[in-house]
Amino acid sequence: MAASAQLHGAIRSHVTQAYEAGATPEEIYHAILLTLNTAGFPRMIVAYSWARELIERLEKEGR
């Protein structure tokens, strides 16, 4: 839903919560890729890029 509506804050919150709960980056990326059918390719790519940037930052911080 957040990817479809391009809600940057919601995507950041959900990615952070999933990552801190133990989801791997690959699992998070896969969940975002599943939005392709409902959100469409451009919106899915935007959500994917936001998630990728955030996960890279979280990994640098050692979370």
Protein backbone atom coordinates (compact mmCIF):
# COMPACT_ATOMS: atom_id res chain seq x y z
CA MET A 1 0.00 0.00 0.00
CA ALA A 2 2.74 2.43 0.89
CA ALA A 3 4.57 1.69 -2.37
CA SER A 4 1.39 2.22 -4.40
CA ALA A 5 0.73 5.57 -2.73
CA GLN A 6 4.43 6.59 -2.80
CA LEU A 7 4.44 7.23 0.93
CA HIS A 8 8.13 7.72 1.62
CA GLY A 9 7.76 7.90 5.40
CA ALA A 10 5.66 4.75 5.55
CA ILE A 11 8.09 2.82 3.38
CA ARG A 12 11.00 3.94 5.57
CA SER A 13 9.11 2.93 8.71
CA HIS A 14 8.12 -0.50 7.38
CA VAL A 15 11.59 -1.26 6.04
CA THR A 16 13.20 -0.24 9.32
CA GLN A 17 10.75 -2.31 11.36
CA ALA A 18 11.22 -5.36 9.13
CA TYR A 19 15.00 -5.05 9.22
CA GLU A 20 15.11 -4.64 13.00
CA ALA A 21 12.74 -7.60 13.40
CA GLY A 22 15.28 -9.78 11.58
CA ALA A 23 14.19 -9.74 7.95
CA THR A 24 17.11 -9.96 5.55
CA PRO A 25 17.59 -7.28 2.92
CA GLU A 26 16.73 -9.86 0.25
CA GLU A 27 13.41 -10.62 1.98
CA ILE A 28 12.57 -6.92 2.15
CA TYR A 29 13.47 -6.40 -1.52
CA HIS A 30 11.37 -9.42 -2.47
CA ALA A 31 8.35 -8.03 -0.61
CA ILE A 32 8.73 -4.76 -2.51
CA LEU A 33 9.08 -6.58 -5.84
CA LEU A 34 5.73 -8.26 -5.12
CA THR A 35 4.07 -4.83 -5.36
CA LEU A 36 4.78 -4.76 -9.11
CA ASN A 37 1.33 -6.08 -10.06
CA THR A 38 -0.58 -3.55 -7.99
CA ALA A 39 1.70 -0.52 -7.84
CA GLY A 40 3.19 -0.71 -11.32
CA PHE A 41 6.82 -0.74 -12.38
CA PRO A 42 7.73 2.94 -11.80
CA ARG A 43 6.29 3.06 -8.29
CA MET A 44 7.82 -0.28 -7.38
CA ILE A 45 11.25 0.92 -8.54
CA VAL A 46 10.95 4.10 -6.48
CA ALA A 47 10.00 2.12 -3.37
CA TYR A 48 12.84 -0.34 -4.05
CA SER A 49 15.39 2.48 -4.35
CA TRP A 50 14.18 4.11 -1.13
CA ALA A 51 14.42 0.77 0.68
CA ARG A 52 17.87 0.05 -0.75
CA GLU A 53 19.23 3.43 0.39
CA LEU A 54 17.78 2.93 3.87
CA ILE A 55 19.07 -0.64 4.24
CA GLU A 56 22.54 0.43 3.16
CA ARG A 57 22.46 3.16 5.81
CA LEU A 58 21.21 0.74 8.48
CA GLU A 59 23.97 -1.74 7.63
CA LYS A 60 26.62 1.01 7.86
CA GLU A 61 25.28 1.97 11.29
CA GLY A 62 25.60 -1.66 12.38
CA ARG A 63 21.99 -2.12 13.30
